[in-house]
Amino acid sequence: MTVVIFHNPNCSKSRAALELIREAGEEPVVVPYMKTGWTVPQLQALFAVAGLTAREALRTARGQAKDLGLLEEGVDEAALLEAMVAHPELVERPIVCSPKGVRLCRPPELVADLL
């Protein structure tokens, strides 16, 4: 089975999800999205399969989303997606893909449903 994790090694939740995947006997494809970045079509596809909106996938911890004005009610999906492309850290993590689906694995234990 191919498992892909969009991983930020600086995030404890992302590290925990990666560890759970490996403990399950899978060696995932690790995408270091903080280095590779995102594209709007990539985010749209991931969010569509996961059943998420950009707002639901927006990382609101640490205040960057607030500082950029992204928490305001009038900010639309397109603006959120563009901000996520410009600032990859705005995407909540980790996002994990497998033949069983795509999920935002926060808390990390949610990854079990994909394995």
C-alpha atoms as a PDB file:
ATOM      1  CA  MET A   1       0.000   0.000   0.000  1.00  0.00           C
ATOM      2  CA  THR A   2       1.307   3.457  -0.812  1.00  0.00           C
ATOM      3  CA  VAL A   3       0.914   6.000   1.968  1.00  0.00           C
ATOM      4  CA  VAL A   4       1.846   9.653   1.518  1.00  0.00           C
ATOM      5  CA  ILE A   5       2.294  12.062   4.391  1.00  0.00           C
ATOM      6  CA  PHE A   6       2.584  15.795   3.875  1.00  0.00           C
ATOM      7  CA  HIS A   7       5.009  16.282   6.717  1.00  0.00           C
ATOM      8  CA  ASN A   8       6.493  19.105   8.731  1.00  0.00           C
ATOM      9  CA  PRO A   9       9.340  17.674  10.843  1.00  0.00           C
ATOM     10  CA  ASN A  10       9.058  20.638  13.215  1.00  0.00           C
ATOM     11  CA  CYS A  11       5.482  19.658  14.146  1.00  0.00           C
ATOM     12  CA  SER A  12       5.040  17.147  16.972  1.00  0.00           C
ATOM     13  CA  LYS A  13       1.665  15.968  15.573  1.00  0.00           C
ATOM     14  CA  SER A  14       3.208  15.355  12.169  1.00  0.00           C
ATOM     15  CA  ARG A  15       6.134  13.460  13.701  1.00  0.00           C
ATOM     16  CA  ALA A  16       3.707  11.361  15.765  1.00  0.00           C
ATOM     17  CA  ALA A  17       1.606  10.482  12.693  1.00  0.00           C
ATOM     18  CA  LEU A  18       4.738   9.500  10.770  1.00  0.00           C
ATOM     19  CA  GLU A  19       5.814   7.272  13.650  1.00  0.00           C
ATOM     20  CA  LEU A  20       2.375   5.601  13.768  1.00  0.00           C
ATOM     21  CA  ILE A  21       2.528   4.904  10.037  1.00  0.00           C
ATOM     22  CA  ARG A  22       5.948   3.311  10.383  1.00  0.00           C
ATOM     23  CA  GLU A  23       4.878   1.319  13.447  1.00  0.00           C
ATOM     24  CA  ALA A  24       2.072  -0.111  11.284  1.00  0.00           C
ATOM     25  CA  GLY A  25       4.729  -1.483   8.930  1.00  0.00           C
ATOM     26  CA  GLU A  26       4.385   1.106   6.183  1.00  0.00           C
ATOM     27  CA  GLU A  27       7.213   3.232   4.828  1.00  0.00           C
ATOM     28  CA  PRO A  28       5.399   6.287   3.519  1.00  0.00           C
ATOM     29  CA  VAL A  29       6.340   8.741   0.841  1.00  0.00           C
ATOM     30  CA  VAL A  30       7.243  11.803   2.906  1.00  0.00           C
ATOM     31  CA  VAL A  31       6.504  15.138   1.255  1.00  0.00           C
ATOM     32  CA  PRO A  32       8.337  17.971   3.054  1.00  0.00           C
ATOM     33  CA  TYR A  33       5.772  20.582   2.042  1.00  0.00           C
ATOM     34  CA  MET A  34       7.513  23.359   3.960  1.00  0.00           C
ATOM     35  CA  LYS A  35      10.339  23.007   1.407  1.00  0.00           C
ATOM     36  CA  THR A  36       8.384  21.963  -1.689  1.00  0.00           C
ATOM     37  CA  GLY A  37       5.431  24.256  -1.109  1.00  0.00           C
ATOM     38  CA  TRP A  38       1.869  23.788  -2.302  1.00  0.00           C
ATOM     39  CA  THR A  39      -0.068  24.602  -5.441  1.00  0.00           C
ATOM     40  CA  VAL A  40      -3.689  25.670  -5.502  1.00  0.00           C
ATOM     41  CA  PRO A  41      -4.777  22.628  -7.583  1.00  0.00           C
ATOM     42  CA  GLN A  42      -2.912  20.303  -5.214  1.00  0.00           C
ATOM     43  CA  LEU A  43      -4.624  21.776  -2.156  1.00  0.00           C
ATOM     44  CA  GLN A  44      -8.016  21.764  -3.872  1.00  0.00           C
ATOM     45  CA  ALA A  45      -7.633  18.074  -4.740  1.00  0.00           C
ATOM     46  CA  LEU A  46      -6.474  17.069  -1.257  1.00  0.00           C
ATOM     47  CA  PHE A  47      -9.216  19.047   0.449  1.00  0.00           C
ATOM     48  CA  ALA A  48     -11.901  17.721  -1.922  1.00  0.00           C
ATOM     49  CA  VAL A  49     -10.995  14.088  -1.273  1.00  0.00           C
ATOM     50  CA  ALA A  50     -10.678  14.736   2.476  1.00  0.00           C
ATOM     51  CA  GLY A  51     -14.019  16.549   2.553  1.00  0.00           C
ATOM     52  CA  LEU A  52     -12.457  19.734   3.887  1.00  0.00           C
ATOM     53  CA  THR A  53     -12.776  23.375   3.018  1.00  0.00           C
ATOM     54  CA  ALA A  54      -9.714  25.591   2.990  1.00  0.00           C
ATOM     55  CA  ARG A  55     -11.057  27.274   6.116  1.00  0.00           C
ATOM     56  CA  GLU A  56     -11.294  23.901   7.900  1.00  0.00           C
ATOM     57  CA  ALA A  57      -7.705  23.103   6.893  1.00  0.00           C
ATOM     58  CA  LEU A  58      -6.378  26.514   7.937  1.00  0.00           C
ATOM     59  CA  ARG A  59      -3.883  26.381  10.765  1.00  0.00           C
ATOM     60  CA  THR A  60      -5.006  29.011  13.253  1.00  0.00           C
ATOM     61  CA  ALA A  61      -2.459  28.279  15.997  1.00  0.00           C
ATOM     62  CA  ARG A  62       0.452  30.662  16.473  1.00  0.00           C
ATOM     63  CA  GLY A  63      -1.482  33.667  15.162  1.00  0.00           C
ATOM     64  CA  GLN A  64      -0.154  33.892  11.603  1.00  0.00           C
ATOM     65  CA  ALA A  65      -3.616  33.374  10.081  1.00  0.00           C
ATOM     66  CA  LYS A  66      -4.946  36.112  12.341  1.00  0.00           C
ATOM     67  CA  ASP A  67      -2.040  38.425  11.544  1.00  0.00           C
ATOM     68  CA  LEU A  68      -2.758  38.011   7.821  1.00  0.00           C
ATOM     69  CA  GLY A  69      -6.462  38.749   8.333  1.00  0.00           C
ATOM     70  CA  LEU A  70      -7.493  35.258   7.229  1.00  0.00           C
ATOM     71  CA  LEU A  71      -9.825  34.640  10.165  1.00  0.00           C
ATOM     72  CA  GLU A  72     -12.181  37.407   9.092  1.00  0.00           C
ATOM     73  CA  GLU A  73     -15.621  36.246   7.971  1.00  0.00           C
ATOM     74  CA  GLY A  74     -15.422  37.695   4.461  1.00  0.00           C
ATOM     75  CA  VAL A  75     -12.245  35.861   3.412  1.00  0.00           C
ATOM     76  CA  ASP A  76     -13.195  33.425   0.650  1.00  0.00           C
ATOM     77  CA  GLU A  77     -11.761  30.028  -0.283  1.00  0.00           C
ATOM     78  CA  ALA A  78      -9.688  31.428  -3.138  1.00  0.00           C
ATOM     79  CA  ALA A  79      -7.971  33.931  -0.839  1.00  0.00           C
ATOM     80  CA  LEU A  80      -7.299  31.230   1.742  1.00  0.00           C
ATOM     81  CA  LEU A  81      -5.801  28.917  -0.887  1.00  0.00           C
ATOM     82  CA  GLU A  82      -3.555  31.666  -2.234  1.00  0.00           C
ATOM     83  CA  ALA A  83      -2.384  32.469   1.296  1.00  0.00           C
ATOM     84  CA  MET A  84      -1.643  28.771   1.887  1.00  0.00           C
ATOM     85  CA  VAL A  85       0.475  28.672  -1.266  1.00  0.00           C
ATOM     86  CA  ALA A  86       2.354  31.813  -0.204  1.00  0.00           C
ATOM     87  CA  HIS A  87       2.710  30.576   3.402  1.00  0.00           C
ATOM     88  CA  PRO A  88       2.802  26.733   3.449  1.00  0.00           C
ATOM     89  CA  GLU A  89       2.750  26.682   7.243  1.00  0.00           C
ATOM     90  CA  LEU A  90      -0.878  27.876   7.144  1.00  0.00           C
ATOM     91  CA  VAL A  91      -2.051  24.378   6.200  1.00  0.00           C
ATOM     92  CA  GLU A  92      -2.938  22.308   9.252  1.00  0.00           C
ATOM     93  CA  ARG A  93      -0.953  19.128   9.459  1.00  0.00           C
ATOM     94  CA  PRO A  94      -0.338  16.361   8.889  1.00  0.00           C
ATOM     95  CA  ILE A  95      -2.333  15.401   5.820  1.00  0.00           C
ATOM     96  CA  VAL A  96      -2.074  11.700   5.012  1.00  0.00           C
ATOM     97  CA  CYS A  97      -3.156   9.922   1.810  1.00  0.00           C
ATOM     98  CA  SER A  98      -3.614   6.204   1.278  1.00  0.00           C
ATOM     99  CA  PRO A  99      -5.780   3.970  -0.918  1.00  0.00           C
ATOM    100  CA  LYS A 100      -8.360   4.284   1.875  1.00  0.00           C
ATOM    101  CA  GLY A 101      -8.641   8.069   1.536  1.00  0.00           C
ATOM    102  CA  VAL A 102      -7.189  11.401   2.565  1.00  0.00           C
ATOM    103  CA  ARG A 103      -7.397  12.784   6.053  1.00  0.00           C
ATOM    104  CA  LEU A 104      -6.131  15.614   8.165  1.00  0.00           C
ATOM    105  CA  CYS A 105      -4.624  13.501  10.948  1.00  0.00           C
ATOM    106  CA  ARG A 106      -4.991  15.761  13.899  1.00  0.00           C
ATOM    107  CA  PRO A 107      -4.893  14.101  16.362  1.00  0.00           C
ATOM    108  CA  PRO A 108      -2.293  11.758  14.872  1.00  0.00           C
ATOM    109  CA  GLU A 109      -4.242   8.656  15.913  1.00  0.00           C
ATOM    110  CA  LEU A 110      -6.689   9.389  13.085  1.00  0.00           C
ATOM    111  CA  VAL A 111      -4.086   7.934  10.724  1.00  0.00           C
ATOM    112  CA  ALA A 112      -5.126   4.420  11.835  1.00  0.00           C
ATOM    113  CA  ASP A 113      -8.268   4.615   9.637  1.00  0.00           C
ATOM    114  CA  LEU A 114      -6.041   5.031   6.573  1.00  0.00           C
ATOM    115  CA  LEU A 115      -3.792   2.044   7.250  1.00  0.00           C
END
